[in-house]
N, C-alpha and C. Protein backbone atom coordinates (compact mmCIF):
# COMPACT_ATOMS: atom_id res chain seq x y z
N GLN A 1 -10.64 6.73 -16.81
CA GLN A 1 -9.42 7.31 -15.87
C GLN A 1 -9.68 6.48 -14.68
N VAL A 2 -8.51 5.55 -14.24
CA VAL A 2 -8.54 4.80 -13.12
C VAL A 2 -8.23 5.99 -11.82
N GLN A 3 -9.02 5.55 -10.80
CA GLN A 3 -8.65 6.23 -9.53
C GLN A 3 -8.55 5.39 -8.60
N LEU A 4 -7.44 5.71 -7.59
CA LEU A 4 -7.33 4.89 -6.48
C LEU A 4 -7.24 5.88 -5.38
N VAL A 5 -7.98 5.43 -4.41
CA VAL A 5 -8.15 6.35 -3.17
C VAL A 5 -7.90 5.50 -1.78
N GLU A 6 -6.82 6.07 -1.25
CA GLU A 6 -6.20 5.25 -0.10
C GLU A 6 -7.07 5.96 1.28
N SER A 7 -6.95 5.08 2.30
CA SER A 7 -7.56 5.60 3.58
C SER A 7 -7.06 4.63 4.60
N GLY A 8 -7.17 5.19 5.84
CA GLY A 8 -6.75 4.28 7.06
C GLY A 8 -5.41 4.93 7.68
N GLY A 9 -4.91 6.02 7.04
CA GLY A 9 -3.62 6.35 7.77
C GLY A 9 -4.02 7.10 9.15
N GLY A 10 -2.98 7.37 9.79
CA GLY A 10 -3.14 8.16 11.09
C GLY A 10 -1.85 8.04 11.88
N LEU A 11 -2.17 8.51 13.06
CA LEU A 11 -0.87 8.49 14.04
C LEU A 11 -1.18 7.42 14.97
N VAL A 12 -0.18 6.66 15.23
CA VAL A 12 -0.21 5.35 16.10
C VAL A 12 1.23 5.25 17.12
N GLN A 13 0.90 4.77 18.14
CA GLN A 13 2.33 4.70 18.99
C GLN A 13 3.00 3.55 18.48
N PRO A 14 4.31 3.35 18.70
CA PRO A 14 5.34 2.38 18.48
C PRO A 14 4.87 0.92 19.06
N GLY A 15 4.77 0.09 18.09
CA GLY A 15 4.14 -1.11 18.50
C GLY A 15 2.56 -1.45 18.12
N GLY A 16 2.09 -0.37 17.69
CA GLY A 16 0.75 -0.34 17.34
C GLY A 16 0.49 -0.95 15.96
N SER A 17 -0.82 -0.96 15.50
CA SER A 17 -1.46 -1.52 14.25
C SER A 17 -2.05 -0.58 13.58
N LEU A 18 -1.95 -0.55 12.34
CA LEU A 18 -2.94 0.14 11.37
C LEU A 18 -3.29 -0.54 10.21
N ARG A 19 -4.45 -0.40 9.46
CA ARG A 19 -4.79 -1.22 8.22
C ARG A 19 -5.05 -0.17 7.05
N LEU A 20 -4.13 -0.09 6.12
CA LEU A 20 -4.68 0.97 4.88
C LEU A 20 -5.62 0.24 3.94
N SER A 21 -6.18 1.01 3.28
CA SER A 21 -7.09 0.47 2.24
C SER A 21 -6.85 1.15 1.10
N CYS A 22 -6.97 0.76 -0.09
CA CYS A 22 -6.98 1.39 -1.43
C CYS A 22 -8.19 0.83 -2.18
N ALA A 23 -8.96 1.87 -2.76
CA ALA A 23 -10.11 1.32 -3.32
C ALA A 23 -10.01 1.68 -4.91
N ALA A 24 -10.15 1.11 -5.89
CA ALA A 24 -9.97 1.38 -7.14
C ALA A 24 -11.55 1.55 -7.86
N SER A 25 -11.43 2.38 -8.69
CA SER A 25 -12.71 3.02 -9.39
C SER A 25 -13.03 1.99 -10.62
N VAL A 26 -12.04 0.79 -10.87
CA VAL A 26 -12.17 -0.19 -11.72
C VAL A 26 -12.01 -1.56 -11.03
N SER A 27 -12.50 -2.72 -11.90
CA SER A 27 -11.85 -3.89 -11.21
C SER A 27 -10.43 -3.99 -11.10
N ILE A 28 -9.93 -4.44 -10.05
CA ILE A 28 -8.62 -4.69 -9.70
C ILE A 28 -8.01 -5.94 -10.50
N ASN A 29 -8.92 -6.67 -11.09
CA ASN A 29 -8.54 -7.53 -11.82
C ASN A 29 -7.74 -7.18 -13.27
N ARG A 30 -8.23 -5.92 -13.65
CA ARG A 30 -7.53 -5.32 -14.87
C ARG A 30 -6.14 -4.87 -14.70
N LEU A 31 -5.84 -4.74 -13.32
CA LEU A 31 -4.63 -4.36 -13.11
C LEU A 31 -3.60 -5.57 -12.81
N TYR A 32 -2.31 -5.84 -13.23
CA TYR A 32 -1.66 -7.12 -13.02
C TYR A 32 -1.12 -6.98 -11.72
N VAL A 33 -0.69 -5.81 -11.33
CA VAL A 33 0.08 -6.02 -10.02
C VAL A 33 -0.48 -4.66 -9.24
N MET A 34 -0.87 -4.72 -8.01
CA MET A 34 -1.21 -3.58 -7.03
C MET A 34 -0.02 -3.48 -5.88
N SER A 35 0.44 -2.31 -5.50
CA SER A 35 1.47 -2.25 -4.70
C SER A 35 1.17 -1.08 -3.64
N TRP A 36 1.99 -1.13 -2.46
CA TRP A 36 1.79 -0.05 -1.74
C TRP A 36 3.51 0.46 -1.62
N TYR A 37 3.49 1.88 -1.76
CA TYR A 37 4.93 2.60 -1.74
C TYR A 37 4.74 3.47 -0.60
N ARG A 38 5.97 3.74 0.03
CA ARG A 38 5.95 4.87 0.87
C ARG A 38 7.22 5.92 0.75
N GLN A 39 6.73 7.01 1.25
CA GLN A 39 7.98 8.18 1.24
C GLN A 39 7.89 8.99 2.46
N ALA A 40 9.22 8.69 3.03
CA ALA A 40 9.35 9.37 4.07
C ALA A 40 10.04 10.73 3.89
N PRO A 41 9.95 11.95 4.77
CA PRO A 41 10.59 13.10 4.50
C PRO A 41 11.92 13.13 4.22
N GLY A 42 12.38 13.61 3.12
CA GLY A 42 13.82 13.67 2.61
C GLY A 42 14.53 12.47 1.99
N LYS A 43 13.49 11.36 1.79
CA LYS A 43 14.01 10.17 1.18
C LYS A 43 13.14 9.77 -0.11
N GLN A 44 13.69 8.82 -0.73
CA GLN A 44 13.11 8.45 -1.99
C GLN A 44 11.97 7.51 -1.62
N ARG A 45 11.08 7.66 -2.75
CA ARG A 45 9.74 6.65 -2.35
C ARG A 45 10.16 5.11 -2.80
N GLU A 46 9.92 4.51 -1.87
CA GLU A 46 10.15 2.89 -2.06
C GLU A 46 8.86 1.91 -1.78
N LEU A 47 9.09 1.04 -2.52
CA LEU A 47 8.14 -0.12 -2.67
C LEU A 47 8.17 -0.91 -1.32
N VAL A 48 6.97 -0.95 -0.91
CA VAL A 48 6.81 -1.79 0.58
C VAL A 48 6.27 -3.23 0.36
N ALA A 49 5.17 -3.37 -0.52
CA ALA A 49 4.54 -4.47 -0.66
C ALA A 49 3.86 -4.49 -2.06
N SER A 50 3.79 -5.77 -2.67
CA SER A 50 3.10 -5.85 -3.88
C SER A 50 2.25 -7.15 -3.91
N ILE A 51 1.07 -7.08 -4.76
CA ILE A 51 0.38 -8.51 -5.02
C ILE A 51 -0.11 -8.38 -6.40
N THR A 52 0.19 -9.50 -7.14
CA THR A 52 -0.32 -9.62 -8.47
C THR A 52 -1.87 -10.27 -8.37
N ASN A 53 -2.40 -10.24 -9.55
CA ASN A 53 -3.81 -10.59 -9.77
C ASN A 53 -3.96 -12.14 -9.67
N SER A 54 -2.66 -12.85 -9.33
CA SER A 54 -2.82 -14.05 -9.05
C SER A 54 -2.53 -14.47 -7.63
N GLY A 55 -2.38 -13.38 -6.92
CA GLY A 55 -2.25 -13.50 -5.45
C GLY A 55 -0.55 -13.43 -5.11
N SER A 56 0.19 -13.58 -5.91
CA SER A 56 1.55 -13.50 -5.54
C SER A 56 2.01 -12.36 -4.62
N THR A 57 2.60 -12.29 -3.71
CA THR A 57 3.07 -11.03 -2.84
C THR A 57 4.65 -11.13 -2.87
N ASN A 58 5.00 -9.90 -2.59
CA ASN A 58 6.43 -9.42 -2.38
C ASN A 58 6.48 -8.24 -1.35
N TYR A 59 7.49 -8.38 -0.44
CA TYR A 59 7.76 -7.24 0.63
C TYR A 59 9.16 -6.89 0.63
N VAL A 60 9.46 -5.57 1.00
CA VAL A 60 10.64 -5.02 1.18
C VAL A 60 10.80 -5.84 2.56
N ASP A 61 12.38 -6.00 2.69
CA ASP A 61 13.00 -6.74 4.06
C ASP A 61 12.51 -6.11 5.33
N SER A 62 12.61 -4.85 5.13
CA SER A 62 12.22 -4.19 6.56
C SER A 62 10.70 -4.25 7.17
N VAL A 63 10.06 -4.91 6.23
CA VAL A 63 8.55 -5.07 6.69
C VAL A 63 8.24 -6.44 6.66
N LYS A 64 8.99 -7.25 6.40
CA LYS A 64 8.73 -8.82 6.56
C LYS A 64 8.40 -9.34 7.76
N GLY A 65 7.34 -9.95 7.94
CA GLY A 65 6.78 -10.55 9.12
C GLY A 65 5.77 -9.56 9.95
N ARG A 66 5.90 -8.29 9.58
CA ARG A 66 4.98 -7.26 10.30
C ARG A 66 3.96 -6.80 9.45
N PHE A 67 4.16 -6.59 8.11
CA PHE A 67 3.16 -6.05 7.01
C PHE A 67 2.61 -7.22 6.36
N THR A 68 1.32 -7.16 6.14
CA THR A 68 0.80 -8.30 5.15
C THR A 68 -0.20 -7.39 4.10
N ILE A 69 -0.16 -7.61 2.91
CA ILE A 69 -0.81 -7.10 1.74
C ILE A 69 -1.77 -8.14 1.41
N SER A 70 -3.12 -7.72 0.86
CA SER A 70 -4.15 -8.64 0.55
C SER A 70 -5.06 -7.75 -0.41
N ARG A 71 -5.83 -8.60 -1.14
CA ARG A 71 -6.77 -7.91 -2.11
C ARG A 71 -8.13 -8.64 -1.80
N ASP A 72 -9.29 -7.66 -2.16
CA ASP A 72 -10.63 -8.18 -2.20
C ASP A 72 -11.30 -7.77 -3.56
N ASN A 73 -10.97 -8.68 -4.42
CA ASN A 73 -11.61 -8.36 -5.78
C ASN A 73 -12.97 -8.17 -5.89
N ALA A 74 -13.91 -8.39 -4.92
CA ALA A 74 -15.01 -8.24 -4.94
C ALA A 74 -15.60 -6.66 -4.61
N LYS A 75 -14.57 -6.19 -3.57
CA LYS A 75 -14.59 -4.79 -3.42
C LYS A 75 -13.78 -3.93 -4.23
N ASN A 76 -12.87 -4.34 -5.00
CA ASN A 76 -11.95 -3.81 -5.92
C ASN A 76 -11.05 -2.98 -4.82
N THR A 77 -10.65 -3.53 -3.81
CA THR A 77 -9.71 -2.85 -2.88
C THR A 77 -8.62 -3.92 -2.59
N ILE A 78 -7.76 -3.07 -2.22
CA ILE A 78 -6.37 -3.66 -1.52
C ILE A 78 -6.13 -3.45 -0.16
N TYR A 79 -5.44 -4.20 0.81
CA TYR A 79 -5.12 -3.63 2.03
C TYR A 79 -3.65 -3.73 2.36
N LEU A 80 -3.32 -3.04 3.47
CA LEU A 80 -1.96 -3.21 4.00
C LEU A 80 -2.14 -3.18 5.62
N GLN A 81 -2.43 -4.47 6.10
CA GLN A 81 -2.21 -4.78 7.42
C GLN A 81 -0.66 -4.47 7.90
N MET A 82 -0.52 -3.39 8.76
CA MET A 82 0.72 -3.18 9.31
C MET A 82 0.61 -3.34 10.83
N ASN A 83 1.36 -4.17 11.33
CA ASN A 83 1.50 -4.61 12.80
C ASN A 83 2.90 -4.19 13.23
N SER A 84 3.05 -4.14 14.49
CA SER A 84 4.54 -3.80 15.08
C SER A 84 5.08 -2.63 14.45
N LEU A 85 4.43 -1.43 14.75
CA LEU A 85 4.94 -0.44 13.79
C LEU A 85 6.07 0.19 14.64
N LYS A 86 6.91 0.73 13.79
CA LYS A 86 8.16 1.38 14.34
C LYS A 86 8.27 2.92 13.89
N PRO A 87 8.87 3.84 14.52
CA PRO A 87 8.97 5.06 13.99
C PRO A 87 9.41 5.21 12.76
N GLU A 88 10.43 4.35 12.47
CA GLU A 88 10.89 4.53 10.87
C GLU A 88 9.94 4.17 9.76
N ASP A 89 8.85 3.53 10.28
CA ASP A 89 7.78 3.21 9.27
C ASP A 89 6.90 4.54 9.03
N THR A 90 7.35 5.79 9.58
CA THR A 90 6.46 6.92 9.31
C THR A 90 6.86 7.28 7.99
N ALA A 91 5.76 7.45 7.20
CA ALA A 91 5.78 8.03 5.83
C ALA A 91 4.40 8.36 5.17
N VAL A 92 4.31 8.85 4.05
CA VAL A 92 3.17 8.88 3.21
C VAL A 92 3.18 7.66 2.56
N TYR A 93 1.94 6.87 2.54
CA TYR A 93 1.82 5.59 1.91
C TYR A 93 1.08 5.89 0.70
N TYR A 94 1.41 5.20 -0.40
CA TYR A 94 0.85 5.38 -1.70
C TYR A 94 0.42 4.03 -2.31
N CYS A 95 -0.64 4.18 -2.96
CA CYS A 95 -0.92 2.91 -3.64
C CYS A 95 -0.81 2.85 -5.03
N ARG A 96 -0.44 1.87 -5.86
CA ARG A 96 -0.11 2.25 -7.28
C ARG A 96 -0.89 0.57 -7.90
N GLY A 97 -1.42 0.83 -9.17
CA GLY A 97 -1.93 -0.20 -9.79
C GLY A 97 -1.29 -0.07 -11.24
N GLU A 98 -0.87 -1.38 -11.80
CA GLU A 98 0.04 -1.23 -12.99
C GLU A 98 -0.58 -2.42 -13.78
N THR A 99 -0.53 -2.41 -15.06
CA THR A 99 -0.55 -3.25 -16.14
C THR A 99 0.66 -2.96 -17.12
N PRO A 100 1.79 -3.29 -16.83
CA PRO A 100 3.06 -2.86 -17.87
C PRO A 100 2.77 -3.16 -19.19
N ALA A 101 2.36 -4.19 -19.71
CA ALA A 101 2.04 -4.78 -20.87
C ALA A 101 1.22 -3.81 -21.56
N LEU A 102 0.06 -2.92 -20.86
CA LEU A 102 -0.87 -2.41 -21.48
C LEU A 102 -0.44 -0.72 -21.34
N GLY A 103 0.69 -0.43 -20.67
CA GLY A 103 0.99 1.02 -20.37
C GLY A 103 0.11 1.43 -19.39
N MET A 104 -0.34 0.67 -18.33
CA MET A 104 -1.17 1.20 -17.30
C MET A 104 -0.61 1.29 -16.00
N ASP A 105 -0.52 2.63 -15.52
CA ASP A 105 0.23 3.06 -14.35
C ASP A 105 -0.56 4.04 -13.70
N HIS A 106 -1.16 3.75 -12.43
CA HIS A 106 -1.99 4.58 -11.73
C HIS A 106 -1.39 4.73 -10.14
N TRP A 107 -1.45 6.07 -9.65
CA TRP A 107 -1.23 6.11 -8.11
C TRP A 107 -2.32 6.75 -7.40
N GLY A 108 -2.55 6.43 -6.14
CA GLY A 108 -3.53 7.32 -5.29
C GLY A 108 -2.93 8.53 -4.90
N GLN A 109 -3.64 9.16 -4.03
CA GLN A 109 -3.12 10.48 -3.48
C GLN A 109 -2.20 10.44 -2.35
N GLY A 110 -2.09 9.50 -1.68
CA GLY A 110 -1.43 9.07 -0.55
C GLY A 110 -2.17 9.05 0.75
N THR A 111 -1.72 8.56 1.68
CA THR A 111 -2.18 8.56 3.15
C THR A 111 -0.87 8.64 4.11
N GLN A 112 -1.20 9.62 5.16
CA GLN A 112 -0.12 9.70 6.15
C GLN A 112 0.03 8.67 7.25
N VAL A 113 0.98 7.99 7.36
CA VAL A 113 1.12 7.24 8.61
C VAL A 113 2.18 7.86 9.64
N THR A 114 1.89 8.04 10.81
CA THR A 114 3.00 8.56 11.69
C THR A 114 2.92 7.77 12.94
N VAL A 115 4.06 7.41 13.15
CA VAL A 115 4.46 6.44 14.21
C VAL A 115 5.23 7.13 15.37
N SER A 116 4.56 7.29 16.33
CA SER A 116 5.16 8.26 17.49
C SER A 116 4.51 7.92 18.79
N SER A 117 5.48 8.33 19.76
CA SER A 117 4.74 8.23 21.09
C SER A 117 4.57 9.60 21.61
């Protein structure tokens, strides 16, 4: 069973920064794509950023230029560096690891990010 454990959430003022981490219990090279999703109260979960095992990245328009997704294969960990945070970034952030061709789809438990003054 693959486990994904997020950390790094918290309370930050507008304009501040946070770095989220997602540690996997297996080699992340086994997962074709790893992603960060978020879900705000009363809203649907949305894809924030993704990174493939070849390093290709993708971002939702609202975070482009502010957030950066990265991976450390040696530590089996992915990161989400979040800068210039806005109140609308407030949500529970989830890590997801997938290999669709093999039917692998794993989620972490989520970490709360609150942007407020």
